[in-house]
Amino acid sequence: MLHLETTKPKFSEAAIGAAEGIAERLATWERPVVTDYELGALLCATQPDTDAVIEPGLYKAIVYRLRSFHLISPARDLKPGAVFQLFGRAKPSAMEVACAVDPFACVTHLSAMEFHGLTDRFSKILYLTTPPDKEWREQAHERMARDLGQHLAVHRAAKLPMLRYLGFERVEGVRVEVMRRSSRGAFKAIKSPAIRVAMVGRVFLDMVREPDNCGGIQHVVDAYREYGSQYLSLILDEIDRHGKPIEKVRAGYLLEAVCRIQHPRIDGWKDYAQRGGSRRLDPQGEYAPTFSETWKLSINVPSLLTDGRDGEN
């Protein structure tokens, strides 16, 4: 057992005992940082009774004690007093810290492309997707009920830090772009590094949905051309289930006209093709006269432009 000697200011026996118990838990903590909510949950776990009363100031005394022994220290770039780095840990990646601080966020877009080896770029921005405020709070309430169990009432009575959204613009010196989305899509939890990352199929859907967050439309075209055949079944499944009609059209064009892939499910997406000024391959780009008659889509990507009005390359 780790014994922490008393130092000034004086600590109660409750603070000393709880701090030692929490220190032992932190020694095997799987994540690179610990939040104030998690420290409060660990404090509740040290209480033997579900109707225990946590004395006022105990949480602050424990945090002070852990900091005085350099077992925790404030995490850089994050809200002071809300997130702490753990002593003796190797420098974590921005992805690891972000996923530890926001338990409902996952790595998406260009950052997920990098993780899955779909790009040779090393993005200077970390792209994350997390639920909107209302959904985030609902999920937080459910998570607290699971985490705290019978100690939930003790936690609330002691007014310990709640699980809440801690907005951040930078993590570990890396700029962060956070997208609040109701549907994050399928993701998988990785143990090492401890992150959550969008599945490959979802990444290809995000490429045609928000190409600007995936390195730009030309980078999306290149990724489809290079990896479309390799991940075809995953792309088809994801876009069939979760793609909007215009996204089926964009992906269908890329798979058929750029990747030269023929597939009955791609043919089925042609039913969603319809004329309209907003029907562009690049949703952020200007309308271009080069046009795919098959997909009823303006091919507004310079590398795919042809001299005529037919965008079927």
Protein backbone atom coordinates (compact mmCIF):
# COMPACT_ATOMS: atom_id res chain seq x y z
CA MET A 1 0.00 0.00 0.00
CA LEU A 2 1.21 3.50 -0.81
CA HIS A 3 1.58 5.57 2.36
CA LEU A 4 1.47 9.34 2.07
CA GLU A 5 3.05 11.17 4.99
CA THR A 6 1.15 14.11 6.39
CA THR A 7 2.29 17.59 5.42
CA LYS A 8 0.96 21.04 6.12
CA PRO A 9 -1.83 21.92 5.99
CA LYS A 10 -3.11 19.28 8.40
CA PHE A 11 -5.36 16.63 6.93
CA SER A 12 -8.07 14.62 8.61
CA GLU A 13 -7.74 10.87 8.89
CA ALA A 14 -10.57 10.62 6.34
CA ALA A 15 -8.59 12.68 3.83
CA ILE A 16 -5.40 10.69 4.39
CA GLY A 17 -7.12 7.33 4.04
CA ALA A 18 -9.14 8.35 0.98
CA ALA A 19 -6.09 9.91 -0.69
CA GLU A 20 -4.11 6.70 -0.22
CA GLY A 21 -6.95 4.63 -1.66
CA ILE A 22 -7.27 6.92 -4.67
CA ALA A 23 -3.49 6.97 -5.19
CA GLU A 24 -3.50 3.18 -5.42
CA ARG A 25 -6.25 3.28 -8.02
CA LEU A 26 -4.40 5.90 -10.04
CA ALA A 27 -1.28 3.73 -10.07
CA THR A 28 -3.11 1.34 -12.41
CA TRP A 29 -5.24 3.96 -14.19
CA GLU A 30 -5.56 3.03 -17.85
CA ARG A 31 -6.02 6.54 -19.22
CA PRO A 32 -3.31 9.22 -19.46
CA VAL A 33 -5.31 11.79 -17.48
CA VAL A 34 -7.96 11.81 -14.77
CA THR A 35 -10.82 14.31 -14.55
CA ASP A 36 -12.25 15.95 -11.46
CA TYR A 37 -15.42 13.91 -11.95
CA GLU A 38 -13.41 10.69 -11.94
CA LEU A 39 -11.55 11.74 -8.79
CA GLY A 40 -14.90 12.39 -7.14
CA ALA A 41 -16.15 8.97 -8.23
CA LEU A 42 -13.00 7.37 -6.80
CA LEU A 43 -13.60 9.23 -3.54
CA CYS A 44 -17.13 7.80 -3.37
CA ALA A 45 -15.74 4.32 -3.98
CA THR A 46 -13.58 4.66 -0.83
CA GLN A 47 -16.71 5.08 1.28
CA PRO A 48 -17.77 1.78 2.88
CA ASP A 49 -21.43 2.70 3.20
CA THR A 50 -23.86 3.76 0.49
CA ASP A 51 -25.37 6.28 2.92
CA ALA A 52 -22.01 7.72 3.97
CA VAL A 53 -21.66 11.47 4.41
CA ILE A 54 -18.59 13.02 2.79
CA GLU A 55 -17.41 15.89 4.96
CA PRO A 56 -17.26 19.36 3.37
CA GLY A 57 -13.89 20.16 1.88
CA LEU A 58 -12.77 16.52 1.72
CA TYR A 59 -12.53 16.46 -2.07
CA LYS A 60 -10.42 19.63 -2.19
CA ALA A 61 -8.18 18.32 0.59
CA ILE A 62 -7.58 15.08 -1.31
CA VAL A 63 -6.77 16.89 -4.56
CA TYR A 64 -4.38 19.17 -2.67
CA ARG A 65 -2.71 16.17 -1.05
CA LEU A 66 -2.32 14.27 -4.33
CA ARG A 67 -0.87 17.37 -5.98
CA SER A 68 1.49 18.04 -3.08
CA PHE A 69 3.02 14.60 -3.63
CA HIS A 70 3.16 15.27 -7.40
CA LEU A 71 0.94 12.27 -8.14
CA ILE A 72 -1.26 14.52 -10.26
CA SER A 73 -0.68 17.88 -11.92
CA PRO A 74 -2.89 20.18 -14.01
CA ALA A 75 -3.13 19.10 -17.64
CA ARG A 76 -1.97 21.65 -20.17
CA ASP A 77 -4.46 23.36 -22.51
CA LEU A 78 -7.44 22.16 -20.46
CA LYS A 79 -9.70 23.80 -17.88
CA PRO A 80 -7.70 24.38 -14.67
CA GLY A 81 -8.73 22.06 -11.86
CA ALA A 82 -10.84 19.87 -14.15
CA VAL A 83 -8.23 17.59 -15.73
CA PHE A 84 -4.99 16.23 -14.25
CA GLN A 85 -2.00 14.45 -15.71
CA LEU A 86 -0.67 11.42 -13.87
CA PHE A 87 2.86 11.17 -12.55
CA GLY A 88 5.35 9.00 -14.40
CA ARG A 89 3.32 8.50 -17.57
CA ALA A 90 4.79 8.75 -21.04
CA LYS A 91 3.65 11.78 -23.02
CA PRO A 92 0.21 10.84 -24.38
CA SER A 93 -1.12 11.65 -27.83
CA ALA A 94 -3.70 14.37 -28.28
CA MET A 95 -6.18 11.67 -29.35
CA GLU A 96 -5.74 9.78 -26.07
CA VAL A 97 -6.22 12.86 -23.90
CA ALA A 98 -9.24 14.09 -25.86
CA CYS A 99 -10.99 10.71 -25.66
CA ALA A 100 -10.24 10.51 -21.93
CA VAL A 101 -11.61 13.98 -21.20
CA ASP A 102 -14.74 13.54 -23.36
CA PRO A 103 -16.03 9.97 -22.86
CA PHE A 104 -18.51 10.32 -25.74
CA ALA A 105 -16.16 11.75 -28.37
CA CYS A 106 -14.55 9.74 -31.12
CA VAL A 107 -11.80 10.47 -33.62
CA THR A 108 -13.27 11.16 -37.06
CA HIS A 109 -12.69 12.67 -40.49
CA LEU A 110 -9.05 13.32 -41.49
CA SER A 111 -7.77 12.15 -38.10
CA ALA A 112 -9.59 8.83 -38.54
CA MET A 113 -8.24 8.60 -42.10
CA GLU A 114 -4.75 8.95 -40.64
CA PHE A 115 -5.41 6.28 -38.01
CA HIS A 116 -6.70 3.79 -40.60
CA GLY A 117 -3.87 4.47 -43.04
CA LEU A 118 -6.12 6.11 -45.63
CA THR A 119 -3.89 9.16 -45.96
CA ASP A 120 -0.20 9.94 -45.90
CA ARG A 121 -0.88 13.33 -44.37
CA PHE A 122 -0.06 14.18 -40.78
CA SER A 123 -2.83 16.55 -39.84
CA LYS A 124 -2.06 19.50 -37.60
CA ILE A 125 -5.69 19.40 -36.48
CA LEU A 126 -7.37 16.72 -34.39
CA TYR A 127 -10.90 16.08 -35.65
CA LEU A 128 -13.41 14.85 -33.07
CA THR A 129 -17.15 14.22 -33.13
CA THR A 130 -19.25 14.33 -29.96
CA PRO A 131 -23.01 14.59 -29.31
CA PRO A 132 -24.84 17.95 -29.11
CA ASP A 133 -25.35 19.48 -25.66
CA LYS A 134 -28.72 17.92 -24.84
CA GLU A 135 -27.71 14.42 -25.92
CA TRP A 136 -24.34 14.81 -24.22
CA ARG A 137 -26.01 15.65 -20.90
CA GLU A 138 -28.43 12.73 -21.23
CA GLN A 139 -25.58 10.32 -21.86
CA ALA A 140 -23.64 11.84 -18.96
CA HIS A 141 -26.53 11.20 -16.56
CA GLU A 142 -26.69 7.57 -17.70
CA ARG A 143 -22.91 7.18 -17.35
CA MET A 144 -22.90 8.64 -13.84
CA ALA A 145 -25.65 6.24 -12.78
CA ARG A 146 -23.56 3.32 -14.06
CA ASP A 147 -20.26 4.59 -12.65
CA LEU A 148 -21.51 5.50 -9.19
CA GLY A 149 -24.23 2.91 -8.69
CA GLN A 150 -25.42 3.00 -5.08
CA HIS A 151 -23.06 5.88 -4.32
CA LEU A 152 -24.89 8.25 -6.70
CA ALA A 153 -26.83 9.87 -3.85
CA VAL A 154 -23.64 10.25 -1.80
CA HIS A 155 -21.93 11.91 -4.76
CA ARG A 156 -24.76 14.38 -5.27
CA ALA A 157 -25.13 15.17 -1.58
CA ALA A 158 -21.43 16.01 -1.35
CA LYS A 159 -21.71 18.26 -4.43
CA LEU A 160 -18.75 16.53 -6.04
CA PRO A 161 -17.81 17.46 -9.63
CA MET A 162 -20.32 16.23 -12.18
CA LEU A 163 -19.57 14.55 -15.48
CA ARG A 164 -19.89 17.52 -17.81
CA TYR A 165 -18.71 18.69 -21.21
CA LEU A 166 -15.31 20.33 -20.95
CA GLY A 167 -14.87 22.24 -24.17
CA PHE A 168 -11.33 22.57 -25.44
CA GLU A 169 -9.67 24.14 -28.46
CA ARG A 170 -6.25 22.56 -28.01
CA VAL A 171 -4.99 19.33 -26.46
CA GLU A 172 -1.31 18.55 -25.94
CA GLY A 173 -0.51 21.54 -28.11
CA VAL A 174 -2.65 20.27 -31.00
CA ARG A 175 -5.53 22.31 -32.37
CA VAL A 176 -8.86 20.49 -32.02
CA GLU A 177 -11.88 20.76 -34.32
CA VAL A 178 -14.96 19.42 -32.52
CA MET A 179 -18.14 18.64 -34.44
CA ARG A 180 -21.37 18.22 -32.47
CA ARG A 181 -23.38 15.53 -34.25
CA SER A 182 -26.40 13.48 -33.16
CA SER A 183 -25.13 10.54 -35.18
CA ARG A 184 -21.45 9.82 -34.73
CA GLY A 185 -21.78 6.59 -36.66
CA ALA A 186 -20.09 3.31 -35.88
CA PHE A 187 -16.81 3.50 -33.98
CA LYS A 188 -14.51 1.09 -32.23
CA ALA A 189 -12.72 1.41 -28.92
CA ILE A 190 -8.98 0.81 -29.08
CA LYS A 191 -7.09 -0.28 -25.96
CA SER A 192 -3.67 0.95 -27.02
CA PRO A 193 -3.74 3.82 -27.60
CA ALA A 194 -6.89 4.25 -25.53
CA ILE A 195 -9.08 6.00 -28.08
CA ARG A 196 -12.39 5.67 -29.90
CA VAL A 197 -12.17 5.99 -33.66
CA ALA A 198 -14.73 5.95 -36.46
CA MET A 199 -14.96 2.69 -38.40
CA VAL A 200 -13.56 2.61 -41.92
CA GLY A 201 -16.96 2.59 -43.62
CA ARG A 202 -18.05 5.64 -41.64
CA VAL A 203 -14.87 7.47 -42.63
CA PHE A 204 -15.68 7.00 -46.32
CA LEU A 205 -19.19 8.33 -45.70
CA ASP A 206 -17.78 11.39 -43.91
CA MET A 207 -15.50 11.98 -46.90
CA VAL A 208 -18.45 12.67 -49.22
CA ARG A 209 -20.50 14.34 -46.46
CA GLU A 210 -17.87 16.80 -45.23
CA PRO A 211 -14.84 16.66 -47.56
CA ASP A 212 -13.39 19.88 -46.16
CA ASN A 213 -12.82 18.07 -42.86
CA CYS A 214 -11.16 15.18 -44.69
CA GLY A 215 -8.37 17.07 -46.40
CA GLY A 216 -10.48 18.58 -49.18
CA ILE A 217 -12.35 17.06 -52.10
CA GLN A 218 -9.23 16.20 -54.11
CA HIS A 219 -7.85 14.25 -51.18
CA VAL A 220 -11.20 12.45 -50.92
CA VAL A 221 -11.05 11.55 -54.63
CA ASP A 222 -7.52 10.21 -54.16
CA ALA A 223 -8.55 8.15 -51.11
CA TYR A 224 -11.51 6.61 -52.94
CA ARG A 225 -9.34 5.87 -55.97
CA GLU A 226 -6.64 4.17 -53.89
CA TYR A 227 -8.71 2.37 -51.26
CA GLY A 228 -12.25 2.13 -52.65
CA SER A 229 -11.83 -1.42 -53.94
CA GLN A 230 -10.09 -2.63 -50.79
CA TYR A 231 -12.86 -1.45 -48.47
CA LEU A 232 -15.79 -1.76 -50.88
CA SER A 233 -18.00 -3.97 -48.70
CA LEU A 234 -17.58 -1.67 -45.68
CA ILE A 235 -18.30 1.42 -47.79
CA LEU A 236 -21.42 -0.11 -49.33
CA ASP A 237 -22.78 -1.26 -45.96
CA GLU A 238 -22.26 2.09 -44.24
CA ILE A 239 -23.58 4.28 -47.05
CA ASP A 240 -26.54 1.97 -47.67
CA ARG A 241 -27.55 2.23 -44.00
CA HIS A 242 -26.65 5.78 -43.08
CA GLY A 243 -25.98 7.75 -46.26
CA LYS A 244 -28.42 10.43 -47.38
CA PRO A 245 -29.58 10.29 -51.03
CA ILE A 246 -27.06 12.91 -52.18
CA GLU A 247 -24.27 11.06 -50.36
CA LYS A 248 -25.20 7.83 -52.13
CA VAL A 249 -24.98 9.73 -55.42
CA ARG A 250 -21.56 11.24 -54.62
CA ALA A 251 -20.12 7.94 -53.39
CA GLY A 252 -21.70 6.07 -56.29
CA TYR A 253 -20.06 8.41 -58.79
CA LEU A 254 -16.65 8.05 -57.15
CA LEU A 255 -16.87 4.26 -56.95
CA GLU A 256 -18.18 3.78 -60.48
CA ALA A 257 -16.64 6.60 -62.53
CA VAL A 258 -13.36 7.09 -60.65
CA CYS A 259 -12.65 3.65 -59.16
CA ARG A 260 -14.22 1.80 -62.14
CA ILE A 261 -16.15 -0.51 -59.82
CA GLN A 262 -19.34 -2.20 -61.01
CA HIS A 263 -21.72 -3.48 -58.35
CA PRO A 264 -25.50 -4.00 -58.13
CA ARG A 265 -25.74 -1.97 -54.94
CA ILE A 266 -23.99 0.95 -56.61
CA ASP A 267 -26.44 0.65 -59.50
CA GLY A 268 -29.25 0.87 -56.95
CA TRP A 269 -27.98 4.25 -55.78
CA LYS A 270 -28.66 5.68 -59.25
CA ASP A 271 -32.32 5.79 -58.26
CA TYR A 272 -31.40 8.73 -56.01
CA ALA A 273 -29.94 10.76 -58.89
CA GLN A 274 -31.96 13.85 -59.76
CA ARG A 275 -31.24 17.21 -61.32
CA GLY A 276 -30.73 20.22 -59.11
CA GLY A 277 -28.37 23.16 -58.74
CA SER A 278 -27.19 21.90 -55.36
CA ARG A 279 -26.21 18.50 -56.72
CA ARG A 280 -22.45 18.87 -56.73
CA LEU A 281 -19.70 16.35 -56.10
CA ASP A 282 -17.99 18.85 -53.81
CA PRO A 283 -20.73 20.30 -51.59
CA GLN A 284 -18.54 23.30 -50.70
CA GLY A 285 -17.43 24.01 -54.28
CA GLU A 286 -18.97 26.15 -57.01
CA TYR A 287 -21.18 24.57 -59.65
CA ALA A 288 -19.20 23.36 -62.71
CA PRO A 289 -20.59 22.71 -66.22
CA THR A 290 -18.99 19.27 -66.42
CA PHE A 291 -21.90 17.01 -65.59
CA SER A 292 -22.52 13.32 -65.01
CA GLU A 293 -25.72 12.40 -66.84
CA THR A 294 -25.79 9.06 -65.07
CA TRP A 295 -25.56 10.52 -61.58
CA LYS A 296 -27.11 13.94 -62.35
CA LEU A 297 -24.16 15.51 -60.60
CA SER A 298 -21.99 18.54 -61.27
CA ILE A 299 -18.40 17.28 -61.29
CA ASN A 300 -16.87 20.39 -59.74
CA VAL A 301 -13.44 18.92 -59.04
CA PRO A 302 -10.68 20.31 -61.29
CA SER A 303 -8.83 17.00 -61.72
CA LEU A 304 -12.04 15.34 -62.95
CA LEU A 305 -13.16 18.09 -65.32
CA THR A 306 -13.47 17.26 -69.03
CA ASP A 307 -13.80 19.48 -72.06
CA GLY A 308 -17.41 18.52 -72.65
CA ARG A 309 -20.42 18.34 -70.39
CA ASP A 310 -20.05 14.63 -69.67
CA GLY A 311 -18.44 13.85 -66.35
CA GLU A 312 -18.23 10.10 -66.93
CA ASN A 313 -14.47 9.64 -66.86
